[in-house]
Structure formats: C-alpha cells, structure tokens
Amino acid sequence: MSILHPNLKRIVTAIVLPLLFCAVFAAMAAAQEAPVPPQADPTDESALLSALADADPQEAIKLDRQLQALWRKSGSASMDLLFKRGRDALETGDTRKAIEHLTALTDHAPGFAEGWHARASAFFKAEKFGPALADLERALALNPNNYNAIYGLAAMLETFGNKRMAFDAYSRLQAIHPNHDEVATALERLKPHVEGSSL
C-alpha cells in the first residue's frame, strides 16, 4: 500500500489520531468519575498516591517503586510471566516478540491495566501509533492514576503537535506525581505555546 500511496500513513495519522486522542481523554474522565474497580489492595494504593502527591523527591522515589510493584501484579503467576517476557523483549528491542507476549497477556487478562500500558509502549516503539494510543486508552480507563501511562499519552500528543492537550495531560501527571522526572521540564517547554510568550 505504501508503494501505491506514499502519503497514506500521514493521511491516516492526520485523520485517526485526533479522534483517538479525544477518546483517550474521555475515557480518563469517565474512569475518574466511575467507582474504582476492586484491586489487590485499593487502600494501600490510595494511601500511596496521596503520599506521592505531597512527597519530597527522595520519598517520591520509594513511593513510585511501591506503586509500580503494586500495579505490576496481575494476580496470576502465568500472566505475570507473560508480562515479564513482554517487558524483557521490549528492553532488548524485540518489539515483535514483545507485542506477541503482551497481546497474549491482554487477551487473557483484559482487566490488567499494566498489560495494556506495556503493549502501548511496544506498539509505540514499533511506530504503530494508532494501536499504541488505543492501548493507552484501555490502560487509563482501568487505572486513571497511572502517571507513566499519562506521560506516554502526553509525549505522543506533543510529538503529533497537539500542544494544548499535551499540556493538559502533563498537568494531570504533575497533580498525581509532582516529582516525576520529566514533567516540570515538559510543562515549562509547552507553557509558551499554550499560554503565550511573556513580553
């Protein structure tokens, strides 16, 4: 298809991505208003997120590790193994294998938010932006507080030139995790585009 129409990828991106961006934000808003689905230990997660919002940088590192450990538990040893294999393949740059493992994971554990988030990363690295965005939508619908998934969404929005929505996503991330490594720099970078340059 690319031989017949070299601009096809650009055209599809221009049409599909804005629709997907809107769907992702709508899913995030709906998930925040809806009751939180039961997870392994929602009390701990709430307490960790609350502490993260007020933590100093050193404490934030510890809280981040605890949240990541909590979110990466699928509740099934076999699903955890698929998740590990997918992440390992992603780290070695084998996006095809990563997508295979993570697709098996999302097929068998559709309620496991980190599976969708990990596959979104694999799709993004494979330059399959539509599927990456769709998986971020699923991940954030299941876990709207996943600040790393929000970061991935914001980075995609910025990459495709939607600075206003990227700024909003980065702002949401900052509200959850003020000490996130990249968020202050990203907001500073986008602020002139969103609010106008100061004279």
Foldseek 3Di string as FASTA:
>chain_A
DCVVPVCVVVVCCVPQVVVLLVLLVVLLVVLVPDDQDDFPDVVVVVVLLVCQLVDDLVVVVVSVVVNVVRLLDLVDPVLSVLQVQLVVCVVVPNLVRNLVSLVVSCVVRVLRLVSLQSNLSSCVSVVVNNSSSVSLSSSCSNPVLPLVSLLVSLVVCVVVPVLQSSLVSLVSSCSRHVNPPCSVVSNVVSVCVHVNDDD
